[in-house]
Amino acid sequence: MHNSKQIIIFAYKLQKQRNMENPFIITGKIKPEYFCDRQQEAERIISKVTNGENLVLMAARRVGKSKLIDFCLDKPAIKDRFIGISIDILRTSSINEFTFELGKAVFEQAARRGTKMLKMVVNTLKTINGCFGYDPISNTPTFSLSLGDISNPIYTLEEIFSCLEKADKKCIVAIDEFQQIGYYPEKNMEAILRTYIQQCNNVNFIFSGSERHLISKMFSEKAHPFYNSADMMYLEVIPLDKYTEFCERLFHKFGKDISKEAIAKVYEIFEGNTYYMQKAVHEAFNQTDVANEANVEMMENIIQSMVLDNDHKFGELLSRLTLPQKELLYAIAKDGIAKQLTSTAFIKKHNLRSASSVQSALKKLLEFHLVSTSQATYYINDQLMKLWLRE
């Protein structure tokens, strides 16, 4: 009888554990109560864009800038008074693809807002109006735009900006990884966009980017069309004490515990990278039973599993690189923060070929977003990949 009772209690706890919401969100929208810190940054972003200013938000990749922007766009101060539109252009490689992403986002927002705005968008986007339709089954408008439908992206882009200007509310457009336009074959892309943006009185912009050297050039050098056109803001990593308090609070909320040492371990290994820390703590929460504690050993095992799980992905990335590119990537991973890559000392230390070979390899690694640079130093932005390369 005693054993039967224990089995029932265990089964109940197990079911409760399975049904428990994991507060460490890694995909999709984050509820305000599960959002870590960033209150001051959010207030500043909201204040700037709701008072008619454009903003540049710079941050290392995966420290939470995209989630922070979404968080701000979802706040009543913006959501109730403005039309918020957000696009990520990291994977785009031409003006056609940029136009496609922005056009799709504007249509989706128009479809959500109702007939009046949708009709305006359809009537304004004349160069691609054959892409609009209607689904009688779901009773919703459809937009079947594909890249091939954009025969003249300059005209289509002009029409998209015209839609934003005619919108029934002021718009806030967030363009993530904005530095990507610098890689487009159309070398006048900055000038084209700057012209349209200057003509827009009904839109404010948030330009965000993770390649600090590129996005800084765009907005702080006189030779660039966007010079001095937006306020600059740099998003630092969340401080360890703030992240510790956040993790402990959410573990305690669900009757669990996590040691300070475990949090410090994941913070140190991932250098405050929000995405990877969140992923590791998410798994630690899953593995910790009610009334138990996530410890350093558990965290180390989780991190090792994360490295192993990405073995194929990272191996595939390296298979596309030339030997000099691979050698330089390993050298940068080994140093952590690398300086003077073309110096004799660096080349000898890592048995590299020559200064010209390093220069050529570096150009490609930066272009492939495998290496980042700031203040004459070079580093691997993806901390998990850096761990994998060091093994």
Protein backbone atom coordinates (compact mmCIF):
# COMPACT_ATOMS: atom_id res chain seq x y z
CA MET A 1 0.00 0.00 0.00
CA HIS A 2 2.83 2.33 0.93
CA ASN A 3 4.58 1.67 -2.41
CA SER A 4 1.34 2.31 -4.34
CA LYS A 5 0.96 5.72 -2.65
CA GLN A 6 4.54 6.64 -3.50
CA ILE A 7 3.97 5.63 -7.15
CA ILE A 8 0.84 7.79 -7.32
CA ILE A 9 2.68 10.81 -5.80
CA PHE A 10 5.60 10.29 -8.20
CA ALA A 11 3.24 10.05 -11.20
CA TYR A 12 1.46 13.22 -10.09
CA LYS A 13 4.76 15.12 -9.78
CA LEU A 14 5.90 13.83 -13.16
CA GLN A 15 2.66 14.95 -14.83
CA LYS A 16 2.91 18.35 -13.14
CA GLN A 17 6.50 18.67 -14.36
CA ARG A 18 5.48 17.85 -17.94
CA ASN A 19 2.66 20.39 -17.91
CA MET A 20 4.85 23.11 -16.39
CA GLU A 21 5.52 26.14 -18.53
CA ASN A 22 9.21 26.77 -19.16
CA PRO A 23 9.77 30.48 -18.43
CA PHE A 24 13.10 30.63 -20.27
CA ILE A 25 11.72 31.35 -23.73
CA ILE A 26 14.02 30.67 -26.69
CA THR A 27 11.61 31.03 -29.64
CA GLY A 28 8.64 33.26 -30.33
CA LYS A 29 7.34 36.18 -28.32
CA ILE A 30 8.51 36.60 -24.73
CA LYS A 31 5.90 37.51 -22.12
CA PRO A 32 6.81 40.69 -20.20
CA GLU A 33 7.15 38.73 -16.92
CA TYR A 34 9.75 36.44 -18.57
CA PHE A 35 11.79 39.27 -20.06
CA CYS A 36 15.17 39.84 -18.41
CA ASP A 37 16.07 43.40 -17.42
CA ARG A 38 16.46 45.92 -20.31
CA GLN A 39 13.96 48.32 -18.71
CA GLN A 40 16.14 51.41 -19.22
CA GLU A 41 17.02 50.43 -22.78
CA ALA A 42 13.35 49.76 -23.62
CA GLU A 43 12.29 53.14 -22.19
CA ARG A 44 14.95 54.92 -24.22
CA ILE A 45 14.00 53.18 -27.48
CA ILE A 46 10.29 53.86 -26.97
CA SER A 47 10.92 57.49 -26.00
CA LYS A 48 13.11 58.15 -29.05
CA VAL A 49 10.89 56.65 -31.75
CA THR A 50 7.59 57.90 -30.32
CA ASN A 51 9.00 61.43 -30.26
CA GLY A 52 9.90 61.52 -33.93
CA GLU A 53 13.53 60.34 -33.86
CA ASN A 54 15.29 57.56 -35.75
CA LEU A 55 17.51 55.21 -33.77
CA VAL A 56 20.49 52.94 -34.49
CA LEU A 57 20.73 49.98 -32.11
CA MET A 58 24.09 48.18 -32.19
CA ALA A 59 24.79 44.92 -30.39
CA ALA A 60 26.77 41.73 -30.78
CA ARG A 61 24.77 38.98 -32.42
CA ARG A 62 22.36 37.09 -30.18
CA VAL A 63 22.47 39.33 -27.13
CA GLY A 64 18.75 40.06 -27.52
CA LYS A 65 18.43 43.18 -29.71
CA SER A 66 15.71 41.66 -31.95
CA LYS A 67 13.70 40.45 -28.94
CA LEU A 68 14.11 43.86 -27.31
CA ILE A 69 12.79 45.62 -30.43
CA ASP A 70 9.80 43.25 -30.60
CA PHE A 71 9.24 43.83 -26.87
CA CYS A 72 9.17 47.61 -27.45
CA LEU A 73 6.89 47.41 -30.50
CA ASP A 74 4.45 45.37 -28.40
CA LYS A 75 4.29 47.92 -25.59
CA PRO A 76 1.05 50.00 -25.41
CA ALA A 77 3.02 53.24 -25.93
CA ILE A 78 3.77 52.01 -29.47
CA LYS A 79 1.16 49.33 -30.16
CA ASP A 80 -1.84 51.56 -29.33
CA ARG A 81 -0.64 54.65 -31.22
CA PHE A 82 1.58 53.46 -34.05
CA ILE A 83 1.81 50.82 -36.76
CA GLY A 84 4.86 48.68 -35.96
CA ILE A 85 6.63 46.84 -38.79
CA SER A 86 9.72 44.68 -38.26
CA ILE A 87 11.93 42.90 -40.81
CA ASP A 88 15.23 40.99 -40.60
CA ILE A 89 17.42 41.40 -43.69
CA LEU A 90 20.44 39.30 -42.63
CA ARG A 91 19.70 36.66 -45.28
CA THR A 92 19.01 39.15 -48.07
CA SER A 93 21.62 39.77 -50.75
CA SER A 94 20.10 42.33 -53.15
CA ILE A 95 17.67 45.22 -53.49
CA ASN A 96 15.11 42.74 -54.88
CA GLU A 97 15.20 40.67 -51.70
CA PHE A 98 15.07 43.77 -49.49
CA THR A 99 12.01 45.01 -51.40
CA PHE A 100 10.41 41.58 -51.11
CA GLU A 101 10.85 41.46 -47.31
CA LEU A 102 9.59 45.02 -46.76
CA GLY A 103 6.65 44.60 -49.16
CA LYS A 104 5.56 41.37 -47.49
CA ALA A 105 5.74 42.96 -44.02
CA VAL A 106 3.72 46.02 -45.10
CA PHE A 107 1.03 43.82 -46.68
CA GLU A 108 0.77 41.59 -43.59
CA GLN A 109 0.32 44.63 -41.38
CA ALA A 110 -2.30 46.06 -43.76
CA ALA A 111 -4.21 42.75 -43.80
CA ARG A 112 -4.35 42.79 -39.99
CA ARG A 113 -5.57 46.38 -39.82
CA GLY A 114 -8.66 46.02 -41.99
CA THR A 115 -10.25 46.79 -45.35
CA LYS A 116 -9.44 50.50 -45.61
CA MET A 117 -5.65 50.16 -45.25
CA LEU A 118 -5.57 46.95 -47.27
CA LYS A 119 -7.37 48.68 -50.17
CA MET A 120 -4.89 51.57 -49.99
CA VAL A 121 -1.91 49.16 -50.14
CA VAL A 122 -3.39 47.23 -53.09
CA ASN A 123 -4.09 50.44 -55.00
CA THR A 124 -0.64 51.90 -54.26
CA LEU A 125 1.50 48.84 -55.06
CA LYS A 126 0.72 49.04 -58.77
CA THR A 127 3.89 47.33 -59.99
CA ILE A 128 2.96 44.09 -58.18
CA ASN A 129 -0.84 44.31 -57.86
CA GLY A 130 -1.23 41.00 -59.70
CA CYS A 131 0.10 39.30 -56.55
CA PHE A 132 -2.97 40.19 -54.48
CA GLY A 133 -5.84 37.76 -54.11
CA TYR A 134 -8.54 36.48 -51.81
CA ASP A 135 -9.07 33.10 -50.16
CA PRO A 136 -12.85 32.44 -49.98
CA ILE A 137 -12.37 29.44 -47.67
CA SER A 138 -10.46 31.27 -44.92
CA ASN A 139 -12.15 34.59 -45.81
CA THR A 140 -8.78 36.37 -45.81
CA PRO A 141 -6.76 38.39 -48.33
CA THR A 142 -3.70 36.71 -49.83
CA PHE A 143 -0.37 38.00 -51.08
CA SER A 144 1.49 35.68 -53.45
CA LEU A 145 4.55 37.86 -54.03
CA SER A 146 7.75 36.07 -55.06
CA LEU A 147 11.16 37.49 -55.92
CA GLY A 148 10.50 36.99 -59.63
CA ASP A 149 7.49 39.31 -59.44
CA ILE A 150 9.67 42.31 -58.62
CA SER A 151 10.87 43.37 -62.06
CA ASN A 152 11.74 46.94 -61.05
CA PRO A 153 12.61 47.06 -57.33
CA ILE A 154 13.28 50.83 -57.36
CA TYR A 155 9.69 51.58 -58.42
CA THR A 156 8.25 48.93 -56.08
CA LEU A 157 10.29 50.31 -53.18
CA GLU A 158 9.01 53.80 -53.96
CA GLU A 159 5.43 52.46 -53.84
CA ILE A 160 6.06 50.69 -50.51
CA PHE A 161 7.32 53.93 -48.95
CA SER A 162 4.28 55.67 -50.41
CA CYS A 163 2.07 53.12 -48.59
CA LEU A 164 3.83 53.90 -45.32
CA GLU A 165 3.36 57.62 -45.91
CA LYS A 166 -0.39 57.15 -46.58
CA ALA A 167 -1.00 54.86 -43.55
CA ASP A 168 -3.77 55.95 -41.19
CA LYS A 169 -1.35 55.99 -38.24
CA LYS A 170 2.29 56.94 -37.91
CA CYS A 171 4.57 53.97 -38.59
CA ILE A 172 7.65 52.67 -36.83
CA VAL A 173 9.75 50.42 -39.08
CA ALA A 174 12.50 48.28 -37.52
CA ILE A 175 15.12 46.91 -39.93
CA ASP A 176 17.31 44.30 -38.26
CA GLU A 177 20.88 43.61 -39.46
CA PHE A 178 20.75 46.84 -41.49
CA GLN A 179 24.48 46.67 -42.29
CA GLN A 180 23.63 43.87 -44.75
CA ILE A 181 22.75 46.46 -47.43
CA GLY A 182 26.49 47.20 -47.60
CA TYR A 183 27.01 43.74 -49.13
CA TYR A 184 24.44 44.22 -51.91
CA PRO A 185 25.75 44.39 -55.49
CA GLU A 186 23.82 47.68 -55.86
CA LYS A 187 26.43 50.01 -54.39
CA ASN A 188 24.03 52.97 -54.23
CA MET A 189 21.59 51.19 -51.89
CA GLU A 190 22.35 53.50 -48.95
CA ALA A 191 21.65 56.57 -51.10
CA ILE A 192 18.40 55.08 -52.48
CA LEU A 193 17.03 54.26 -49.03
CA ARG A 194 18.17 57.55 -47.54
CA THR A 195 16.28 59.45 -50.26
CA TYR A 196 13.02 57.61 -49.53
CA ILE A 197 13.43 57.87 -45.76
CA GLN A 198 14.06 61.64 -45.95
CA GLN A 199 10.79 62.05 -47.85
CA CYS A 200 8.78 60.12 -45.22
CA ASN A 201 7.07 62.26 -42.60
CA ASN A 202 4.84 59.45 -41.38
CA VAL A 203 7.60 56.95 -40.45
CA ASN A 204 10.35 56.63 -37.88
CA PHE A 205 13.00 53.96 -38.12
CA ILE A 206 14.98 51.64 -35.86
CA PHE A 207 18.10 50.43 -37.65
CA SER A 208 19.76 47.59 -35.79
CA GLY A 209 22.94 45.71 -36.56
CA SER A 210 25.51 43.30 -35.17
CA GLU A 211 28.48 44.27 -37.35
CA ARG A 212 29.49 47.31 -35.34
CA HIS A 213 32.27 48.50 -37.64
CA LEU A 214 29.95 48.53 -40.68
CA ILE A 215 26.89 50.10 -39.11
CA SER A 216 29.04 52.70 -37.32
CA LYS A 217 30.53 53.74 -40.66
CA MET A 218 27.08 54.14 -42.19
CA PHE A 219 25.88 56.57 -39.54
CA SER A 220 29.04 58.32 -38.31
CA GLU A 221 31.17 58.92 -41.43
CA LYS A 222 30.46 61.98 -43.60
CA ALA A 223 30.96 60.04 -46.84
CA HIS A 224 27.85 57.93 -46.16
CA PRO A 225 24.27 59.07 -46.96
CA PHE A 226 23.00 58.12 -43.47
CA TYR A 227 25.60 60.30 -41.71
CA ASN A 228 24.14 61.85 -38.53
CA SER A 229 20.60 60.78 -39.47
CA ALA A 230 19.85 58.77 -36.32
CA ASP A 231 20.71 58.61 -32.64
CA MET A 232 23.23 55.84 -31.79
CA MET A 233 22.70 53.31 -28.99
CA TYR A 234 24.87 50.32 -28.06
CA LEU A 235 23.29 47.35 -26.31
CA GLU A 236 25.68 45.78 -23.80
CA VAL A 237 25.31 42.24 -22.44
CA ILE A 238 23.02 41.87 -19.42
CA PRO A 239 25.14 42.15 -16.21
CA LEU A 240 25.76 38.87 -14.34
CA ASP A 241 23.98 40.03 -11.18
CA LYS A 242 20.85 40.92 -13.16
CA TYR A 243 20.86 37.59 -15.01
CA THR A 244 21.47 35.69 -11.74
CA GLU A 245 18.49 37.39 -10.08
CA PHE A 246 16.35 36.68 -13.16
CA CYS A 247 17.21 32.94 -13.23
CA GLU A 248 16.80 32.43 -9.48
CA ARG A 249 13.45 34.23 -9.43
CA LEU A 250 11.96 32.14 -12.23
CA PHE A 251 13.28 28.85 -10.85
CA HIS A 252 11.83 29.71 -7.41
CA LYS A 253 8.51 30.68 -8.96
CA PHE A 254 8.07 27.09 -10.12
CA GLY A 255 9.37 25.46 -6.94
CA LYS A 256 12.87 24.76 -8.26
CA ASP A 257 16.35 26.09 -7.55
CA ILE A 258 19.54 26.89 -9.46
CA SER A 259 22.93 27.56 -7.92
CA LYS A 260 24.70 30.87 -8.41
CA GLU A 261 27.75 28.89 -9.55
CA ALA A 262 25.74 27.23 -12.35
CA ILE A 263 24.54 30.62 -13.60
CA ALA A 264 28.06 32.06 -13.38
CA LYS A 265 29.40 29.08 -15.36
CA VAL A 266 26.99 29.52 -18.28
CA TYR A 267 27.50 33.30 -18.20
CA GLU A 268 31.30 32.94 -18.32
CA ILE A 269 31.36 30.33 -21.10
CA PHE A 270 28.93 32.22 -23.34
CA GLU A 271 30.31 35.67 -22.40
CA GLY A 272 26.86 37.01 -21.57
CA ASN A 273 25.37 35.92 -24.92
CA THR A 274 21.66 35.98 -24.11
CA TYR A 275 20.52 33.43 -26.69
CA TYR A 276 22.94 30.65 -25.70
CA MET A 277 22.58 31.34 -21.96
CA GLN A 278 18.81 31.21 -22.31
CA LYS A 279 19.03 27.95 -24.25
CA ALA A 280 21.23 26.32 -21.61
CA VAL A 281 19.12 27.54 -18.68
CA HIS A 282 15.95 26.47 -20.55
CA GLU A 283 17.32 22.91 -20.66
CA ALA A 284 18.48 23.08 -17.02
CA PHE A 285 14.93 24.06 -16.03
CA ASN A 286 13.57 21.04 -17.94
CA GLN A 287 16.03 18.69 -16.26
CA THR A 288 15.44 19.98 -12.72
CA ASP A 289 12.61 18.37 -10.76
CA VAL A 290 10.45 20.38 -8.36
CA ALA A 291 12.29 20.95 -5.02
CA ASN A 292 15.64 20.11 -6.68
CA GLU A 293 18.55 22.30 -7.83
CA ALA A 294 20.33 22.80 -11.14
CA ASN A 295 24.06 22.72 -10.39
CA VAL A 296 27.39 23.32 -12.16
CA GLU A 297 27.78 19.69 -13.26
CA MET A 298 24.36 19.72 -14.92
CA MET A 299 25.18 23.00 -16.68
CA GLU A 300 28.53 21.70 -17.96
CA ASN A 301 26.82 18.58 -19.37
CA ILE A 302 24.15 20.71 -21.06
CA ILE A 303 26.78 22.96 -22.67
CA GLN A 304 28.72 19.91 -23.88
CA SER A 305 25.50 18.53 -25.41
CA MET A 306 24.87 21.87 -27.16
CA VAL A 307 28.35 21.70 -28.72
CA LEU A 308 27.81 18.09 -29.86
CA ASP A 309 24.33 18.85 -31.22
CA ASN A 310 25.86 21.50 -33.50
CA ASP A 311 28.77 19.36 -34.70
CA HIS A 312 27.20 18.65 -38.09
CA LYS A 313 26.10 22.27 -38.61
CA PHE A 314 29.54 23.73 -37.83
CA GLY A 315 31.30 20.99 -39.81
CA GLU A 316 29.13 21.85 -42.82
CA LEU A 317 30.04 25.55 -42.48
CA LEU A 318 33.75 24.76 -42.39
CA SER A 319 33.52 22.46 -45.40
CA ARG A 320 32.66 25.51 -47.55
CA LEU A 321 35.81 27.38 -46.54
CA THR A 322 39.22 27.29 -48.20
CA LEU A 323 42.18 25.99 -46.19
CA PRO A 324 43.61 29.50 -45.48
CA GLN A 325 40.16 30.63 -44.28
CA LYS A 326 39.88 27.60 -41.94
CA GLU A 327 43.39 28.15 -40.57
CA LEU A 328 42.66 31.79 -39.81
CA LEU A 329 39.32 30.92 -38.18
CA TYR A 330 41.02 28.41 -35.85
CA ALA A 331 43.74 30.98 -35.04
CA ILE A 332 41.17 33.63 -34.06
CA ALA A 333 39.23 31.05 -31.99
CA LYS A 334 42.42 30.10 -30.16
CA ASP A 335 43.29 33.71 -29.28
CA GLY A 336 39.72 34.66 -28.37
CA ILE A 337 40.34 38.33 -29.12
CA ALA A 338 42.88 38.58 -31.96
CA LYS A 339 44.90 41.66 -32.95
CA GLN A 340 47.29 42.57 -35.77
CA LEU A 341 46.38 39.55 -37.88
CA THR A 342 48.84 40.40 -40.66
CA SER A 343 51.77 40.92 -38.30
CA THR A 344 54.76 38.55 -38.45
CA ALA A 345 54.19 37.61 -34.79
CA PHE A 346 50.58 36.48 -35.36
CA ILE A 347 51.42 34.62 -38.59
CA LYS A 348 54.34 32.76 -36.96
CA LYS A 349 52.40 31.98 -33.78
CA HIS A 350 49.63 30.22 -35.74
CA ASN A 351 51.74 28.85 -38.64
CA LEU A 352 49.79 30.86 -41.21
CA ARG A 353 50.96 31.41 -44.80
CA SER A 354 51.48 35.11 -45.46
CA ALA A 355 50.07 38.56 -44.72
CA SER A 356 48.32 38.70 -48.11
CA SER A 357 46.78 35.24 -47.55
CA VAL A 358 45.51 36.30 -44.11
CA GLN A 359 44.09 39.54 -45.55
CA SER A 360 42.24 37.68 -48.28
CA ALA A 361 40.90 35.04 -45.87
CA LEU A 362 39.81 37.68 -43.34
CA LYS A 363 37.80 39.57 -45.94
CA LYS A 364 35.77 36.43 -46.68
CA LEU A 365 35.32 35.44 -43.01
CA LEU A 366 33.90 38.90 -42.29
CA GLU A 367 31.66 38.66 -45.34
CA PHE A 368 30.38 35.23 -44.21
CA HIS A 369 29.66 36.67 -40.71
CA LEU A 370 31.94 34.05 -39.14
CA VAL A 371 34.27 36.71 -37.73
CA SER A 372 33.42 40.15 -36.32
CA THR A 373 35.60 43.17 -35.69
CA SER A 374 35.61 46.08 -33.27
CA GLN A 375 38.33 48.63 -32.43
CA ALA A 376 41.01 46.82 -34.47
CA THR A 377 40.31 43.45 -32.81
CA TYR A 378 38.80 40.33 -34.37
CA TYR A 379 36.70 37.66 -32.70
CA ILE A 380 34.17 34.91 -33.34
CA ASN A 381 30.74 36.26 -32.52
CA ASP A 382 29.19 32.80 -32.15
CA GLN A 383 30.42 31.60 -28.74
CA LEU A 384 29.16 28.06 -29.33
CA MET A 385 31.12 27.82 -32.56
CA LYS A 386 34.19 29.14 -30.74
CA LEU A 387 33.82 26.34 -28.16
CA TRP A 388 33.48 23.79 -30.97
CA LEU A 389 36.59 25.11 -32.76
CA ARG A 390 38.62 24.93 -29.55
CA GLU A 391 37.78 21.27 -28.88
